[in-house]
Structure formats: C-alpha cells, structure tokens
N, C-alpha and C. Protein backbone atom coordinates (compact mmCIF):
# COMPACT_ATOMS: atom_id res chain seq x y z
N UNK A 1 153.36 77.45 -34.79
CA UNK A 1 152.34 77.15 -34.87
C UNK A 1 151.91 78.77 -33.81
N UNK A 2 150.57 79.11 -33.79
CA UNK A 2 149.83 80.20 -33.17
C UNK A 2 150.79 80.73 -32.26
N UNK A 3 150.72 82.10 -31.40
CA UNK A 3 150.72 82.07 -30.25
C UNK A 3 149.29 82.02 -29.20
N UNK A 4 149.17 82.24 -27.84
CA UNK A 4 148.11 82.70 -27.62
C UNK A 4 146.86 83.91 -27.68
N UNK A 5 147.69 84.86 -28.29
CA UNK A 5 146.62 85.84 -28.69
C UNK A 5 145.98 85.77 -30.07
N UNK A 6 147.02 85.03 -31.07
CA UNK A 6 146.70 84.66 -32.19
C UNK A 6 145.50 83.83 -32.25
N UNK A 7 145.62 82.65 -31.41
CA UNK A 7 144.55 81.62 -31.22
C UNK A 7 143.36 82.36 -30.52
N UNK A 8 143.68 83.34 -30.10
CA UNK A 8 142.20 84.23 -29.23
C UNK A 8 141.56 84.74 -30.40
N UNK A 9 142.32 85.71 -31.12
CA UNK A 9 141.78 86.15 -32.45
C UNK A 9 140.58 85.41 -33.11
N UNK A 10 141.57 83.64 -33.63
CA UNK A 10 140.59 82.51 -34.25
C UNK A 10 139.36 82.50 -33.64
N UNK A 11 139.63 82.47 -32.63
CA UNK A 11 138.45 81.79 -31.73
C UNK A 11 137.15 82.99 -31.77
N UNK A 12 137.64 84.71 -31.88
CA UNK A 12 136.64 85.27 -32.13
C UNK A 12 136.23 85.47 -33.47
N UNK A 13 136.99 85.44 -34.11
CA UNK A 13 136.41 85.44 -35.85
C UNK A 13 135.99 84.38 -36.51
N UNK A 14 135.31 83.33 -35.66
CA UNK A 14 134.91 82.17 -35.28
C UNK A 14 133.51 82.57 -35.18
N UNK A 15 133.81 82.98 -33.76
CA UNK A 15 132.31 83.24 -33.28
C UNK A 15 131.75 84.45 -33.76
N UNK A 16 132.34 85.62 -34.46
CA UNK A 16 131.44 86.69 -35.43
C UNK A 16 130.89 86.03 -36.66
N UNK A 17 131.79 84.94 -37.35
CA UNK A 17 131.32 84.57 -38.12
C UNK A 17 130.25 83.32 -37.91
N UNK A 18 130.51 82.92 -37.28
CA UNK A 18 129.23 81.59 -37.09
C UNK A 18 128.94 81.54 -35.84
N UNK A 19 127.54 82.88 -35.44
CA UNK A 19 127.77 82.68 -33.56
C UNK A 19 126.51 81.62 -33.33
N UNK A 20 126.20 81.29 -34.27
CA UNK A 20 124.59 80.17 -34.22
C UNK A 20 125.28 78.45 -34.51
N UNK A 21 126.33 78.61 -34.68
CA UNK A 21 127.06 77.14 -35.05
C UNK A 21 126.65 76.39 -34.29
N UNK A 22 126.14 74.63 -34.66
CA UNK A 22 125.54 73.74 -33.63
C UNK A 22 125.44 72.51 -34.75
N UNK A 23 124.87 71.44 -33.98
CA UNK A 23 125.32 70.41 -34.36
C UNK A 23 124.22 70.04 -35.48
N UNK A 24 124.14 69.59 -37.12
CA UNK A 24 123.04 69.89 -38.23
C UNK A 24 122.70 68.31 -38.16
N UNK A 25 123.17 67.49 -36.99
CA UNK A 25 122.51 66.16 -37.42
C UNK A 25 121.13 66.69 -36.60
N UNK A 26 119.60 65.92 -37.35
CA UNK A 26 118.77 66.00 -37.04
C UNK A 26 118.08 64.81 -36.09
N UNK A 27 117.89 65.18 -34.40
CA UNK A 27 117.77 64.26 -33.57
C UNK A 27 116.74 64.89 -32.61
N UNK A 28 116.08 64.14 -31.56
CA UNK A 28 115.01 64.72 -30.80
C UNK A 28 115.56 64.28 -29.06
N UNK A 29 116.79 63.21 -29.20
CA UNK A 29 117.10 62.70 -28.16
C UNK A 29 118.62 61.93 -28.18
N UNK A 30 119.38 61.69 -27.04
CA UNK A 30 120.93 61.05 -27.40
C UNK A 30 120.38 59.73 -27.67
N UNK A 31 119.35 58.78 -27.85
CA UNK A 31 119.53 57.57 -28.76
C UNK A 31 119.81 58.03 -30.52
N UNK A 32 118.75 58.99 -30.62
CA UNK A 32 118.79 59.45 -31.83
C UNK A 32 119.91 60.15 -32.39
N UNK A 33 120.87 61.00 -31.43
CA UNK A 33 121.96 61.43 -32.10
C UNK A 33 123.13 60.62 -32.30
N UNK A 34 122.98 59.51 -31.61
CA UNK A 34 124.12 58.20 -31.31
C UNK A 34 124.07 57.58 -32.89
N UNK A 35 122.67 57.59 -33.38
CA UNK A 35 122.42 56.52 -34.37
C UNK A 35 123.02 57.26 -35.45
N UNK A 36 122.40 58.65 -34.92
CA UNK A 36 122.70 59.63 -36.44
C UNK A 36 124.25 59.79 -37.03
N UNK A 37 125.09 60.34 -35.50
CA UNK A 37 126.34 60.39 -35.20
C UNK A 37 127.23 59.04 -36.36
N UNK A 38 126.62 57.95 -35.72
CA UNK A 38 127.05 55.93 -36.32
C UNK A 38 127.09 56.69 -37.84
N UNK A 39 125.76 56.94 -38.57
CA UNK A 39 125.44 57.10 -39.72
C UNK A 39 126.44 57.92 -40.72
N UNK A 40 127.03 58.82 -39.92
CA UNK A 40 127.50 59.99 -40.30
C UNK A 40 129.20 59.43 -40.51
N UNK A 41 129.72 58.66 -40.37
CA UNK A 41 131.05 58.65 -40.94
C UNK A 41 131.31 58.31 -42.83
N UNK A 42 131.81 59.11 -42.85
CA UNK A 42 132.03 59.04 -44.30
C UNK A 42 130.92 59.67 -45.14
N UNK A 43 130.26 60.47 -44.49
CA UNK A 43 128.80 60.76 -45.05
C UNK A 43 128.66 61.88 -44.56
N UNK A 44 127.68 62.73 -45.55
CA UNK A 44 127.61 64.34 -45.31
C UNK A 44 126.34 64.28 -44.21
N UNK A 45 126.72 65.09 -43.17
CA UNK A 45 124.99 64.95 -42.64
C UNK A 45 123.76 65.46 -43.54
N UNK A 46 123.82 66.24 -44.17
CA UNK A 46 122.93 66.55 -45.21
C UNK A 46 121.61 64.63 -45.43
N UNK A 47 122.79 64.30 -46.18
CA UNK A 47 122.43 62.75 -46.53
C UNK A 47 121.84 62.04 -45.24
N UNK A 48 122.55 61.88 -44.47
CA UNK A 48 121.92 61.39 -42.86
C UNK A 48 120.67 62.07 -42.69
N UNK A 49 120.27 63.43 -42.56
CA UNK A 49 118.96 63.71 -42.14
C UNK A 49 118.25 63.26 -43.07
N UNK A 50 118.23 62.71 -44.75
CA UNK A 50 117.15 62.12 -45.11
C UNK A 50 116.74 61.17 -45.08
N UNK A 51 118.20 60.31 -44.26
CA UNK A 51 117.50 59.01 -44.29
C UNK A 51 116.93 58.85 -42.88
N UNK A 52 117.42 59.55 -41.73
CA UNK A 52 117.17 59.30 -40.40
C UNK A 52 115.48 60.29 -40.38
N UNK A 53 115.24 60.89 -41.56
CA UNK A 53 113.80 61.55 -41.57
C UNK A 53 112.51 60.24 -41.17
N UNK A 54 112.81 59.23 -41.85
CA UNK A 54 111.93 58.21 -42.30
C UNK A 54 112.61 57.02 -41.29
N UNK A 55 113.97 57.14 -40.70
CA UNK A 55 114.27 56.17 -40.14
C UNK A 55 114.24 56.16 -38.21
N UNK A 56 114.26 57.40 -38.32
CA UNK A 56 113.49 57.84 -36.71
C UNK A 56 111.97 58.01 -36.88
N UNK A 57 111.41 57.53 -37.47
CA UNK A 57 109.45 57.24 -37.52
C UNK A 57 109.30 55.93 -37.49
N UNK A 58 109.97 55.05 -37.88
CA UNK A 58 110.06 53.72 -37.90
C UNK A 58 110.74 53.00 -36.79
N UNK A 59 111.77 53.49 -35.93
CA UNK A 59 112.35 52.69 -34.74
C UNK A 59 112.45 53.97 -33.95
N UNK A 60 112.09 53.41 -32.69
CA UNK A 60 111.81 54.61 -32.01
C UNK A 60 113.05 54.27 -30.87
N UNK A 61 112.94 53.19 -30.61
CA UNK A 61 114.00 52.68 -29.34
C UNK A 61 114.71 51.68 -29.77
N UNK A 62 115.66 51.24 -28.94
CA UNK A 62 116.94 49.76 -29.03
C UNK A 62 116.22 49.04 -29.85
N UNK A 63 114.88 48.26 -29.22
CA UNK A 63 114.34 46.99 -28.92
C UNK A 63 113.71 47.10 -31.03
N UNK A 64 113.24 48.39 -31.23
CA UNK A 64 113.03 48.51 -32.24
C UNK A 64 113.46 47.68 -33.45
N UNK A 65 114.84 48.57 -33.14
CA UNK A 65 116.08 48.24 -34.72
C UNK A 65 115.99 46.45 -34.64
N UNK A 66 116.09 45.45 -32.97
CA UNK A 66 116.60 44.55 -33.02
C UNK A 66 114.99 43.51 -33.23
N UNK A 67 113.79 44.36 -33.89
CA UNK A 67 112.88 43.44 -34.28
C UNK A 67 112.78 43.03 -35.49
N UNK A 68 113.77 43.71 -36.25
CA UNK A 68 113.77 43.39 -37.91
C UNK A 68 114.78 42.96 -37.78
N UNK A 69 114.70 42.15 -39.16
CA UNK A 69 116.01 41.89 -39.51
C UNK A 69 117.72 42.52 -40.07
N UNK A 70 118.44 42.16 -40.20
CA UNK A 70 118.99 42.52 -40.65
C UNK A 70 119.01 43.41 -41.90
N UNK A 71 118.88 42.54 -42.94
CA UNK A 71 118.58 42.83 -44.13
C UNK A 71 117.51 43.76 -44.66
N UNK A 72 116.82 43.89 -43.69
CA UNK A 72 115.68 44.96 -43.36
C UNK A 72 116.64 46.42 -43.10
N UNK A 73 116.82 46.51 -42.20
CA UNK A 73 117.86 47.54 -41.81
C UNK A 73 118.66 48.15 -42.56
N UNK A 74 119.48 47.16 -43.70
CA UNK A 74 120.19 47.68 -44.15
C UNK A 74 119.53 48.10 -45.85
N UNK A 75 118.28 48.09 -45.92
CA UNK A 75 117.57 48.62 -46.60
C UNK A 75 116.76 49.50 -46.16
N UNK A 76 116.83 50.18 -45.09
CA UNK A 76 116.39 51.74 -44.81
C UNK A 76 117.10 52.54 -44.26
N UNK A 77 118.84 51.96 -44.86
CA UNK A 77 119.82 53.44 -44.46
C UNK A 77 120.66 52.59 -46.02
N UNK A 78 120.26 52.07 -47.03
CA UNK A 78 121.17 51.47 -48.30
C UNK A 78 121.78 53.24 -48.98
N UNK A 79 121.15 54.12 -48.52
CA UNK A 79 121.85 55.24 -49.22
C UNK A 79 122.98 55.97 -48.99
N UNK A 80 123.47 55.14 -47.58
CA UNK A 80 124.13 56.18 -46.86
C UNK A 80 125.37 55.12 -46.94
N UNK A 81 126.73 55.81 -47.19
CA UNK A 81 127.77 54.76 -47.83
C UNK A 81 128.13 53.60 -46.46
N UNK A 82 128.61 52.83 -46.70
CA UNK A 82 129.59 51.43 -45.52
C UNK A 82 127.60 51.18 -44.90
N UNK A 83 126.92 51.16 -45.42
CA UNK A 83 125.56 50.86 -45.13
C UNK A 83 125.39 49.55 -44.26
N UNK A 84 125.95 48.60 -44.87
CA UNK A 84 126.00 47.21 -44.29
C UNK A 84 126.76 47.00 -42.94
N UNK A 85 128.02 47.55 -42.78
CA UNK A 85 128.53 47.61 -41.23
C UNK A 85 127.96 48.32 -40.48
N UNK A 86 127.44 49.53 -40.95
CA UNK A 86 126.81 49.99 -40.08
C UNK A 86 125.17 49.82 -39.72
N UNK A 87 124.65 49.08 -40.52
CA UNK A 87 123.40 48.32 -39.49
C UNK A 87 123.80 47.05 -38.70
N UNK A 88 124.76 46.95 -38.75
CA UNK A 88 125.66 45.32 -38.14
C UNK A 88 125.69 46.41 -36.88
N UNK A 89 126.45 47.46 -36.87
CA UNK A 89 126.92 48.03 -35.70
C UNK A 89 125.68 48.59 -34.87
N UNK A 90 124.72 49.20 -35.55
CA UNK A 90 123.46 49.52 -34.96
C UNK A 90 122.99 48.66 -33.78
N UNK A 91 122.65 47.57 -34.54
CA UNK A 91 122.03 46.29 -34.43
C UNK A 91 122.84 46.00 -32.54
N UNK A 92 123.97 45.79 -33.05
CA UNK A 92 124.93 44.97 -31.73
C UNK A 92 124.61 46.46 -30.56
N UNK A 93 124.81 47.80 -31.12
CA UNK A 93 124.86 49.46 -29.89
C UNK A 93 123.44 48.83 -29.36
N UNK A 94 122.32 48.92 -29.99
CA UNK A 94 121.28 48.30 -29.49
C UNK A 94 121.06 47.24 -28.52
N UNK A 95 121.57 46.11 -28.96
CA UNK A 95 122.06 45.52 -28.41
C UNK A 95 123.21 45.47 -26.94
N UNK A 96 123.92 45.75 -27.02
CA UNK A 96 124.65 46.37 -25.59
C UNK A 96 123.57 47.67 -24.70
N UNK A 97 123.16 48.38 -25.09
CA UNK A 97 122.40 49.71 -24.95
C UNK A 97 121.61 48.57 -23.99
N UNK A 98 120.29 47.69 -24.59
CA UNK A 98 119.61 46.97 -23.71
C UNK A 98 120.16 46.05 -22.44
N UNK A 99 120.99 44.83 -22.89
CA UNK A 99 122.10 44.45 -21.81
C UNK A 99 122.54 45.11 -20.96
N UNK A 100 123.51 46.14 -21.11
CA UNK A 100 123.91 46.73 -20.53
C UNK A 100 123.74 48.03 -19.63
N UNK A 101 122.80 48.62 -19.98
CA UNK A 101 122.73 50.20 -19.92
C UNK A 101 120.82 50.20 -19.80
N UNK A 102 120.27 49.61 -19.94
CA UNK A 102 118.57 49.37 -19.52
C UNK A 102 118.18 50.20 -20.70
N UNK A 103 118.70 50.26 -21.83
CA UNK A 103 118.42 50.71 -22.87
C UNK A 103 118.44 52.42 -22.69
N UNK A 104 119.31 53.19 -22.17
CA UNK A 104 119.70 54.05 -22.11
C UNK A 104 121.07 54.54 -22.86
N UNK A 105 121.28 55.62 -23.16
CA UNK A 105 122.57 56.03 -23.50
C UNK A 105 123.63 56.20 -22.46
N UNK A 106 124.43 55.63 -22.24
CA UNK A 106 125.74 56.43 -21.05
C UNK A 106 126.37 57.61 -21.51
N UNK A 107 126.51 58.48 -20.27
CA UNK A 107 126.86 59.63 -20.39
C UNK A 107 128.70 59.96 -20.63
N UNK A 108 129.27 58.77 -20.09
CA UNK A 108 130.82 59.07 -20.27
C UNK A 108 131.44 58.43 -21.38
N UNK A 109 132.68 59.21 -21.46
CA UNK A 109 133.16 58.61 -22.70
C UNK A 109 133.87 57.33 -22.37
N UNK A 110 133.65 56.82 -21.61
CA UNK A 110 134.69 55.19 -21.59
C UNK A 110 133.67 54.30 -22.03
N UNK A 111 132.27 55.03 -21.28
CA UNK A 111 131.13 53.94 -21.76
C UNK A 111 130.69 54.01 -23.01
N UNK A 112 130.60 55.02 -23.74
CA UNK A 112 130.06 55.43 -25.12
C UNK A 112 131.03 54.87 -26.45
N UNK A 113 132.41 54.16 -25.95
CA UNK A 113 133.33 54.21 -26.49
C UNK A 113 133.43 52.60 -26.73
N UNK A 114 132.50 51.99 -25.80
CA UNK A 114 132.66 50.56 -26.06
C UNK A 114 131.30 49.84 -26.76
N UNK A 115 130.49 51.35 -27.17
CA UNK A 115 129.39 50.77 -28.21
C UNK A 115 129.90 50.77 -29.18
N UNK A 116 129.40 49.55 -30.05
CA UNK A 116 129.91 49.29 -31.36
C UNK A 116 129.22 50.65 -32.66
N UNK A 117 130.67 50.23 -33.27
CA UNK A 117 130.47 51.65 -33.90
C UNK A 117 130.69 52.95 -33.68
N UNK A 118 131.13 53.14 -32.12
CA UNK A 118 131.18 54.73 -31.39
C UNK A 118 132.41 54.36 -31.12
N UNK A 119 133.44 55.94 -31.79
CA UNK A 119 134.67 55.90 -31.59
C UNK A 119 134.89 57.22 -30.66
N UNK A 120 135.94 57.63 -30.74
CA UNK A 120 136.34 58.47 -29.46
C UNK A 120 135.58 60.22 -30.05
N UNK A 121 135.31 60.19 -31.72
CA UNK A 121 134.82 61.20 -32.07
C UNK A 121 133.17 61.36 -31.70
N UNK A 122 132.64 59.97 -32.24
CA UNK A 122 131.47 60.11 -31.53
C UNK A 122 131.18 60.33 -30.80
N UNK A 123 131.81 59.63 -29.40
CA UNK A 123 131.57 59.62 -28.04
C UNK A 123 131.34 61.21 -28.26
N UNK A 124 132.50 62.23 -27.97
CA UNK A 124 132.64 63.39 -28.01
C UNK A 124 131.43 64.17 -28.48
N UNK A 125 131.13 64.39 -29.51
CA UNK A 125 129.59 64.51 -30.02
C UNK A 125 128.85 64.07 -29.16
N UNK A 126 128.22 63.49 -28.31
CA UNK A 126 127.35 62.63 -27.90
C UNK A 126 126.93 63.65 -26.22
N UNK A 127 128.40 63.58 -25.99
CA UNK A 127 128.88 63.75 -24.63
C UNK A 127 128.27 65.79 -24.77
N UNK A 128 129.03 66.16 -26.02
CA UNK A 128 128.89 67.41 -25.62
C UNK A 128 127.42 67.96 -26.52
N UNK A 129 126.67 67.49 -27.39
CA UNK A 129 125.75 67.60 -27.85
C UNK A 129 124.33 67.43 -26.80
N UNK A 130 124.49 66.33 -26.37
CA UNK A 130 122.99 65.58 -25.69
C UNK A 130 123.13 65.40 -24.66
N UNK A 131 124.38 65.89 -23.65
CA UNK A 131 124.77 66.17 -22.34
C UNK A 131 125.46 67.15 -21.73
N UNK A 132 125.88 68.34 -22.14
CA UNK A 132 126.21 69.16 -22.24
C UNK A 132 127.42 69.28 -21.52
N UNK A 133 128.46 68.25 -21.76
CA UNK A 133 129.45 67.76 -21.45
C UNK A 133 130.94 68.58 -22.26
N UNK A 134 131.55 69.51 -21.57
CA UNK A 134 132.49 69.91 -22.68
C UNK A 134 133.03 68.99 -23.45
N UNK A 135 133.20 68.95 -24.67
CA UNK A 135 134.15 68.16 -25.53
C UNK A 135 134.27 68.69 -27.08
N UNK A 136 135.32 68.20 -27.42
CA UNK A 136 135.87 68.66 -28.82
C UNK A 136 135.84 67.38 -29.35
N UNK A 137 135.29 67.52 -30.37
CA UNK A 137 135.52 66.10 -31.47
C UNK A 137 135.90 66.53 -32.83
N UNK A 138 137.12 65.82 -33.45
CA UNK A 138 137.57 66.27 -34.27
C UNK A 138 137.35 65.10 -35.34
N UNK A 139 136.35 66.20 -36.37
CA UNK A 139 136.22 65.51 -37.71
C UNK A 139 137.48 65.80 -38.52
N UNK A 140 136.72 65.74 -39.68
CA UNK A 140 137.71 66.08 -40.85
C UNK A 140 137.76 67.54 -41.09
N UNK A 141 136.93 68.35 -40.85
CA UNK A 141 136.85 69.49 -41.02
C UNK A 141 137.85 70.82 -39.83
N UNK A 142 137.47 69.79 -38.37
CA UNK A 142 138.31 70.73 -37.45
C UNK A 142 139.77 69.92 -37.65
N UNK A 143 139.80 68.91 -37.82
CA UNK A 143 141.48 68.56 -38.13
C UNK A 143 141.98 69.32 -39.28
N UNK A 144 141.29 69.71 -41.00
CA UNK A 144 141.76 70.45 -41.95
C UNK A 144 142.41 72.08 -41.44
N UNK A 145 140.90 72.82 -40.29
CA UNK A 145 141.12 74.00 -40.17
C UNK A 145 142.01 73.91 -39.35
N UNK A 146 142.42 73.09 -37.92
CA UNK A 146 143.21 73.18 -36.97
C UNK A 146 144.44 73.29 -37.27
N UNK A 147 145.25 72.60 -38.62
CA UNK A 147 146.57 72.37 -39.66
C UNK A 147 146.64 73.27 -40.14
N UNK A 148 145.43 73.98 -41.44
CA UNK A 148 146.16 75.04 -41.86
C UNK A 148 146.08 76.58 -41.10
N UNK A 149 145.49 76.56 -40.03
CA UNK A 149 146.00 77.35 -39.07
C UNK A 149 146.79 77.51 -38.35
N UNK A 150 147.72 76.19 -38.20
CA UNK A 150 148.60 76.16 -37.05
C UNK A 150 148.23 76.48 -35.72
N UNK A 151 147.26 75.98 -35.43
CA UNK A 151 146.61 75.94 -34.20
C UNK A 151 147.62 74.51 -33.62
N UNK A 152 147.89 73.53 -34.76
CA UNK A 152 148.85 72.14 -34.27
C UNK A 152 149.95 71.80 -35.48
N UNK A 153 150.17 70.75 -35.64
CA UNK A 153 151.30 70.69 -36.29
C UNK A 153 150.69 69.80 -37.43
N UNK A 154 151.11 69.76 -39.01
CA UNK A 154 150.44 68.89 -40.00
C UNK A 154 150.47 67.22 -39.59
N UNK A 155 151.95 67.16 -39.06
CA UNK A 155 152.00 65.47 -38.87
C UNK A 155 150.84 65.24 -37.36
N UNK A 156 150.14 66.12 -36.62
CA UNK A 156 150.10 65.28 -35.33
C UNK A 156 148.44 64.65 -35.81
N UNK A 157 148.00 63.32 -35.42
CA UNK A 157 147.06 62.54 -35.24
C UNK A 157 145.79 63.16 -35.00
N UNK A 158 144.83 62.45 -35.18
CA UNK A 158 143.79 63.06 -34.97
C UNK A 158 143.89 63.42 -33.17
N UNK A 159 143.98 62.50 -31.96
CA UNK A 159 144.02 62.43 -31.21
C UNK A 159 144.88 63.25 -30.46
N UNK A 160 146.24 63.78 -31.33
CA UNK A 160 146.80 64.74 -31.15
C UNK A 160 146.65 66.05 -31.21
N UNK A 161 145.59 66.10 -32.51
CA UNK A 161 144.74 67.37 -32.64
C UNK A 161 144.01 67.62 -31.18
N UNK A 162 143.15 66.75 -30.94
CA UNK A 162 142.03 66.89 -30.37
C UNK A 162 142.95 67.51 -28.65
N UNK A 163 144.05 66.66 -28.38
CA UNK A 163 144.82 67.44 -27.27
C UNK A 163 145.16 68.94 -27.04
N UNK A 164 145.88 69.32 -28.39
CA UNK A 164 146.38 70.21 -28.55
C UNK A 164 145.02 71.17 -28.50
N UNK A 165 143.62 71.05 -29.30
CA UNK A 165 142.68 72.14 -28.95
C UNK A 165 142.53 72.04 -27.46
N UNK A 166 142.23 71.07 -27.04
CA UNK A 166 142.12 71.12 -25.26
C UNK A 166 142.97 72.24 -24.57
N UNK A 167 143.81 71.76 -25.09
CA UNK A 167 145.18 72.67 -23.78
C UNK A 167 145.27 73.77 -24.46
N UNK A 168 144.66 74.49 -25.86
CA UNK A 168 144.92 75.95 -26.31
C UNK A 168 143.51 76.22 -26.10
N UNK A 169 142.34 76.06 -25.93
CA UNK A 169 141.38 76.80 -25.81
C UNK A 169 140.50 76.59 -24.47
N UNK A 170 140.02 77.38 -23.92
CA UNK A 170 139.50 77.10 -22.48
C UNK A 170 138.14 76.08 -22.58
N UNK A 171 138.29 75.42 -21.68
CA UNK A 171 137.15 74.25 -21.78
C UNK A 171 135.56 74.98 -22.01
N UNK A 172 135.54 76.11 -21.01
CA UNK A 172 134.08 76.39 -21.31
C UNK A 172 133.77 76.98 -23.13
N UNK A 173 134.76 76.64 -23.58
CA UNK A 173 134.70 77.28 -25.08
C UNK A 173 134.79 76.00 -26.11
N UNK A 174 135.09 74.48 -25.10
CA UNK A 174 135.20 73.58 -25.98
C UNK A 174 134.44 73.52 -26.67
N UNK A 175 133.07 73.54 -26.47
CA UNK A 175 131.74 72.50 -27.56
C UNK A 175 131.48 74.02 -28.52
N UNK A 176 131.23 74.94 -28.19
CA UNK A 176 131.10 75.83 -29.22
C UNK A 176 131.99 76.17 -30.44
N UNK A 177 133.22 75.88 -29.74
CA UNK A 177 134.56 76.43 -30.97
C UNK A 177 134.24 74.98 -31.89
N UNK A 178 133.94 73.62 -31.08
CA UNK A 178 133.90 72.62 -31.77
C UNK A 178 133.26 72.68 -33.21
N UNK A 179 131.85 73.17 -32.65
CA UNK A 179 130.54 73.41 -34.06
C UNK A 179 131.22 74.58 -34.91
N UNK A 180 131.93 75.51 -34.24
CA UNK A 180 132.52 76.86 -35.28
C UNK A 180 133.80 76.25 -36.06
N UNK A 181 134.72 75.62 -35.89
CA UNK A 181 135.34 75.04 -36.63
C UNK A 181 134.86 74.03 -37.38
N UNK A 182 133.49 73.68 -37.69
CA UNK A 182 132.82 72.79 -38.35
C UNK A 182 132.28 73.29 -39.34
N UNK A 183 131.87 74.25 -38.85
CA UNK A 183 131.30 75.35 -39.62
C UNK A 183 132.06 76.37 -40.40
N UNK A 184 133.31 76.51 -39.87
CA UNK A 184 134.29 77.51 -40.60
C UNK A 184 134.70 76.62 -41.62
N UNK A 185 135.25 75.14 -41.31
CA UNK A 185 135.32 74.10 -42.60
C UNK A 185 134.85 73.59 -43.39
N UNK A 186 133.32 73.96 -43.54
CA UNK A 186 132.37 73.11 -43.93
C UNK A 186 131.84 74.35 -45.03
N UNK A 187 131.96 75.73 -44.71
CA UNK A 187 131.29 76.52 -45.47
C UNK A 187 132.06 77.54 -46.00
N UNK A 188 133.19 77.51 -45.57
CA UNK A 188 134.33 78.68 -45.52
C UNK A 188 135.68 77.88 -46.03
N UNK A 189 136.53 77.56 -45.16
CA UNK A 189 137.95 77.06 -45.49
C UNK A 189 137.59 75.36 -46.11
N UNK A 190 136.80 75.25 -47.25
CA UNK A 190 136.77 74.03 -47.93
C UNK A 190 137.92 73.08 -47.97
N UNK A 191 137.76 72.17 -48.14
CA UNK A 191 138.62 70.62 -48.69
C UNK A 191 139.21 71.48 -49.71
N UNK A 192 138.30 71.67 -50.29
CA UNK A 192 138.60 72.22 -52.19
C UNK A 192 137.89 73.65 -52.12
N UNK A 193 138.81 74.48 -52.93
CA UNK A 193 138.40 75.52 -53.20
C UNK A 193 138.14 76.37 -51.88
N UNK A 194 139.06 76.58 -50.80
CA UNK A 194 138.91 77.27 -49.90
C UNK A 194 138.92 78.91 -49.98
N UNK A 195 138.17 79.77 -49.27
CA UNK A 195 137.75 80.83 -49.75
C UNK A 195 138.87 81.83 -49.42
N UNK A 196 140.18 81.62 -49.64
CA UNK A 196 140.87 81.93 -48.84
C UNK A 196 141.41 83.91 -49.47
N UNK A 197 140.53 84.34 -50.92
CA UNK A 197 140.55 85.86 -50.45
C UNK A 197 139.40 86.35 -49.99
N UNK A 198 138.71 85.63 -49.59
CA UNK A 198 137.56 86.78 -48.54
C UNK A 198 138.05 86.45 -47.10
N UNK A 199 139.08 85.60 -46.33
CA UNK A 199 139.51 85.34 -45.39
C UNK A 199 139.45 86.07 -44.05
N UNK A 200 138.88 86.54 -43.19
CA UNK A 200 139.76 87.61 -41.93
C UNK A 200 140.93 86.89 -41.41
N UNK A 201 141.30 85.74 -41.57
CA UNK A 201 142.40 85.38 -41.18
C UNK A 201 143.56 84.70 -41.97
N UNK A 202 143.63 85.11 -43.03
CA UNK A 202 144.46 85.22 -44.22
C UNK A 202 145.82 85.63 -43.94
N UNK A 203 145.82 86.68 -42.80
CA UNK A 203 147.32 86.78 -42.59
C UNK A 203 148.25 86.51 -41.75
N UNK A 204 147.02 85.43 -41.24
CA UNK A 204 147.70 84.77 -39.96
C UNK A 204 148.11 83.17 -40.60
N UNK A 205 147.46 83.20 -41.67
CA UNK A 205 147.76 81.28 -42.07
C UNK A 205 148.29 80.95 -43.51
N UNK A 206 149.38 80.45 -42.79
CA UNK A 206 150.09 79.86 -44.04
C UNK A 206 149.90 79.54 -45.09
N UNK A 207 148.74 78.68 -44.83
CA UNK A 207 148.20 77.55 -45.85
C UNK A 207 147.62 78.97 -46.88
N UNK A 208 147.07 79.59 -46.45
CA UNK A 208 146.24 80.40 -47.46
C UNK A 208 147.23 81.16 -48.18
N UNK A 209 148.33 81.76 -47.18
CA UNK A 209 149.62 82.79 -47.89
C UNK A 209 149.72 81.80 -49.44
N UNK A 210 150.23 80.66 -48.90
CA UNK A 210 150.67 79.91 -50.44
C UNK A 210 150.16 79.36 -51.01
N UNK A 211 149.00 79.39 -51.09
CA UNK A 211 147.22 79.56 -51.51
C UNK A 211 147.48 80.33 -52.85
N UNK A 212 147.27 81.87 -52.04
CA UNK A 212 147.35 82.67 -52.83
C UNK A 212 148.49 83.09 -53.70
N UNK A 213 149.68 82.80 -53.06
CA UNK A 213 150.71 83.29 -53.69
C UNK A 213 150.81 82.09 -55.09
N UNK A 214 150.23 80.96 -54.72
CA UNK A 214 150.37 79.90 -56.26
C UNK A 214 149.59 80.65 -57.33
N UNK A 215 148.16 81.37 -56.68
CA UNK A 215 146.98 81.55 -57.78
C UNK A 215 147.41 82.83 -58.65
N UNK A 216 148.70 83.42 -57.99
CA UNK A 216 149.10 84.88 -58.71
C UNK A 216 150.21 84.11 -59.27
N UNK A 217 150.70 83.45 -58.49
CA UNK A 217 152.10 83.05 -60.03
C UNK A 217 151.44 82.24 -61.14
N UNK A 218 150.43 81.51 -61.27
CA UNK A 218 149.77 80.62 -62.18
C UNK A 218 148.82 81.71 -63.01
N UNK A 219 148.14 82.71 -62.04
CA UNK A 219 147.53 83.73 -63.31
C UNK A 219 148.58 84.70 -63.58
C-alpha cells in the first residue's frame, strides 16, 4: 500500500485536478439532500437531479410526502431505479422525521442511520455536506479509486475502506477529499476505460501499470 508521502502526493494531485469538487446532487436544505441521496442509490446524480427538479417543487416538507398515496409518489420517481422501494422508504423516513425529530433532519450518524433508506454512506454525505461535519462517504467511485491506488487492500469491505481513509487522511481534509475522490473516479479513473495514459498518478498505481502493460501487449 502507499506510504504517507505517496498518499500526500495523491491528495495534492486530487486537489489540483478538482479544486472545486462538490456534491452534485441539487438541493436547498438538509431534508432535500437526504431525499436526493436516498434516491441516488444505484443511480446517477444526473438522473436524480432531473427527477428532483420537479419533485422538490411538489414536496417541500415531510408532511407533503405523506399527504399523497404511495402509488402517486412512485409515479413521481418511476424513472429512477428501485423506485418502488425508494418511495416506500421516503414515506417511512418522513414519518420518522415527524414522529421522532419534529420534522427536522438529525445531525448525528447514529440518528441518521435509523432513518429508513439511510445507510452509513448516506449519513456521511448528509453530515458532511449539510452540517459541515468531517466525514468520508465511500461510494463506488471512492472505493474503486482507493483500491486501485492502494490506499487500502482489494479485499477490504466498504467500512474497512472508510476506516482506512479516515486513518490515513487528516480529519480536516476528509470532506474535501471525499468529493475529490468522487470526481477523480467519475471523470478520470472511470470503472470502464480509465484515463491511465494521461494520469498524473500512473507511476504509483499498480492497477494502471497493469492496464498499460496489457494494452501494449495486445497492441
């Protein structure tokens, strides 16, 4: 795995490549962010933003989501994968917010993960983006980049990846690094056809070197 100096170089490179990296889910408050992140599971931010553009005009509060039938809410988000389950979770989430939190999104991870449809990744995103609490949310991009660059081990679970990143990255950089890892994975180190030939981190990336060697052998 990478040593401390190499990790520092990677973090600086991420910062140079994507200094303005941010959450790309469009929202105006913590409640909208919770809904957007819940909808984003196994779905792109681009599609979620298309759906929430009208969704957030129709539904402003947890009460609004409970005033319609489940079927109506499902129709409102039907272009998103797993829309039936997501609609159920959204209404359950809204009911819990009203019953247990006076309609206000809680700020702690322990409370957030109690909400239906909200896992550790979603909770970390909400904590970081909505409330400014340092956190690293490990999505598919963060996990892929972390393993390709050997920040952690290939066999590590998502939780192990998160804990390793938290240990190796200064706490004050967690949130920025989370967004930069996502941008690096989404726009550069893609799942398919990563841009290895143009990658400034190629020399320390075993995965990239293997891909380049295989490409030369086949070419």
